[in-house]
Amino acid sequence: MGVTDRVWGALTSMIKLEDKVNRQSEAMKLQQQKIEDLTGRVIRLEAQIELLTGAAMIKRLKGP
């Protein structure tokens, strides 16, 4: 029974490890999606700031 117990223990450990890897993979996918969403938001903010800055400079150049 000693060999059988060790084999069973090894298989159980491998199954647990696979489960942990799968959960970690899902967590990484969610994090990546959040990062991509934030990147898009930053890009939109940058574009708005550039437009507003450009409009302010044009307004300044035209005078009061």
C-alpha atoms as a PDB file:
ATOM      1  CA  MET A   1       0.000   0.000   0.000  1.00  0.00           C
ATOM      2  CA  GLY A   2       2.938   2.346   0.448  1.00  0.00           C
ATOM      3  CA  VAL A   3       3.566   2.679  -3.283  1.00  0.00           C
ATOM      4  CA  THR A   4      -0.129   3.055  -4.035  1.00  0.00           C
ATOM      5  CA  ASP A   5      -0.452   5.776  -1.406  1.00  0.00           C
ATOM      6  CA  ARG A   6       2.520   7.655  -2.823  1.00  0.00           C
ATOM      7  CA  VAL A   7       1.191   7.409  -6.384  1.00  0.00           C
ATOM      8  CA  TRP A   8      -2.240   8.542  -5.216  1.00  0.00           C
ATOM      9  CA  GLY A   9      -0.646  11.417  -3.278  1.00  0.00           C
ATOM     10  CA  ALA A  10       1.349  12.467  -6.340  1.00  0.00           C
ATOM     11  CA  LEU A  11      -1.740  12.399  -8.546  1.00  0.00           C
ATOM     12  CA  THR A  12      -3.704  14.383  -5.982  1.00  0.00           C
ATOM     13  CA  SER A  13      -0.919  16.944  -5.776  1.00  0.00           C
ATOM     14  CA  MET A  14      -0.820  17.265  -9.566  1.00  0.00           C
ATOM     15  CA  ILE A  15      -4.581  17.805  -9.724  1.00  0.00           C
ATOM     16  CA  LYS A  16      -4.370  20.476  -7.007  1.00  0.00           C
ATOM     17  CA  LEU A  17      -1.473  22.144  -8.814  1.00  0.00           C
ATOM     18  CA  GLU A  18      -3.386  22.128 -12.109  1.00  0.00           C
ATOM     19  CA  ASP A  19      -6.364  23.738 -10.369  1.00  0.00           C
ATOM     20  CA  LYS A  20      -4.145  26.448  -8.912  1.00  0.00           C
ATOM     21  CA  VAL A  21      -2.581  27.107 -12.304  1.00  0.00           C
ATOM     22  CA  ASN A  22      -6.020  27.363 -13.920  1.00  0.00           C
ATOM     23  CA  ARG A  23      -7.253  29.798 -11.258  1.00  0.00           C
ATOM     24  CA  GLN A  24      -4.104  31.888 -11.631  1.00  0.00           C
ATOM     25  CA  SER A  25      -4.544  31.914 -15.406  1.00  0.00           C
ATOM     26  CA  GLU A  26      -8.116  33.198 -15.052  1.00  0.00           C
ATOM     27  CA  ALA A  27      -6.968  35.876 -12.614  1.00  0.00           C
ATOM     28  CA  MET A  28      -4.281  36.977 -15.075  1.00  0.00           C
ATOM     29  CA  LYS A  29      -6.835  37.206 -17.884  1.00  0.00           C
ATOM     30  CA  LEU A  30      -9.056  39.424 -15.738  1.00  0.00           C
ATOM     31  CA  GLN A  31      -6.100  41.624 -14.791  1.00  0.00           C
ATOM     32  CA  GLN A  32      -5.074  41.934 -18.432  1.00  0.00           C
ATOM     33  CA  GLN A  33      -8.602  43.007 -19.372  1.00  0.00           C
ATOM     34  CA  LYS A  34      -8.587  45.630 -16.619  1.00  0.00           C
ATOM     35  CA  ILE A  35      -5.209  46.918 -17.821  1.00  0.00           C
ATOM     36  CA  GLU A  36      -6.461  47.162 -21.406  1.00  0.00           C
ATOM     37  CA  ASP A  37      -9.579  49.038 -20.252  1.00  0.00           C
ATOM     38  CA  LEU A  38      -7.467  51.484 -18.243  1.00  0.00           C
ATOM     39  CA  THR A  39      -5.111  51.961 -21.172  1.00  0.00           C
ATOM     40  CA  GLY A  40      -8.039  52.922 -23.382  1.00  0.00           C
ATOM     41  CA  ARG A  41      -9.277  55.392 -20.795  1.00  0.00           C
ATOM     42  CA  VAL A  42      -5.832  56.996 -20.500  1.00  0.00           C
ATOM     43  CA  ILE A  43      -5.589  57.318 -24.277  1.00  0.00           C
ATOM     44  CA  ARG A  44      -8.972  59.070 -24.392  1.00  0.00           C
ATOM     45  CA  LEU A  45      -7.940  61.405 -21.573  1.00  0.00           C
ATOM     46  CA  GLU A  46      -4.690  62.253 -23.336  1.00  0.00           C
ATOM     47  CA  ALA A  47      -6.569  63.061 -26.527  1.00  0.00           C
ATOM     48  CA  GLN A  48      -8.992  65.331 -24.661  1.00  0.00           C
ATOM     49  CA  ILE A  49      -6.157  67.132 -22.888  1.00  0.00           C
ATOM     50  CA  GLU A  50      -4.341  67.689 -26.183  1.00  0.00           C
ATOM     51  CA  LEU A  51      -7.494  69.077 -27.788  1.00  0.00           C
ATOM     52  CA  LEU A  52      -8.205  71.374 -24.856  1.00  0.00           C
ATOM     53  CA  THR A  53      -4.593  72.530 -24.680  1.00  0.00           C
ATOM     54  CA  GLY A  54      -4.576  73.256 -28.407  1.00  0.00           C
ATOM     55  CA  ALA A  55      -7.851  75.161 -28.171  1.00  0.00           C
ATOM     56  CA  ALA A  56      -6.531  77.207 -25.251  1.00  0.00           C
ATOM     57  CA  MET A  57      -3.369  78.115 -27.191  1.00  0.00           C
ATOM     58  CA  ILE A  58      -5.380  79.156 -30.246  1.00  0.00           C
ATOM     59  CA  LYS A  59      -7.622  81.260 -28.058  1.00  0.00           C
ATOM     60  CA  ARG A  60      -4.559  82.877 -26.448  1.00  0.00           C
ATOM     61  CA  LEU A  61      -2.990  83.642 -29.818  1.00  0.00           C
ATOM     62  CA  LYS A  62      -6.167  85.282 -31.105  1.00  0.00           C
ATOM     63  CA  GLY A  63      -6.145  87.589 -28.128  1.00  0.00           C
ATOM     64  CA  PRO A  64      -8.857  88.807 -25.783  1.00  0.00           C
END
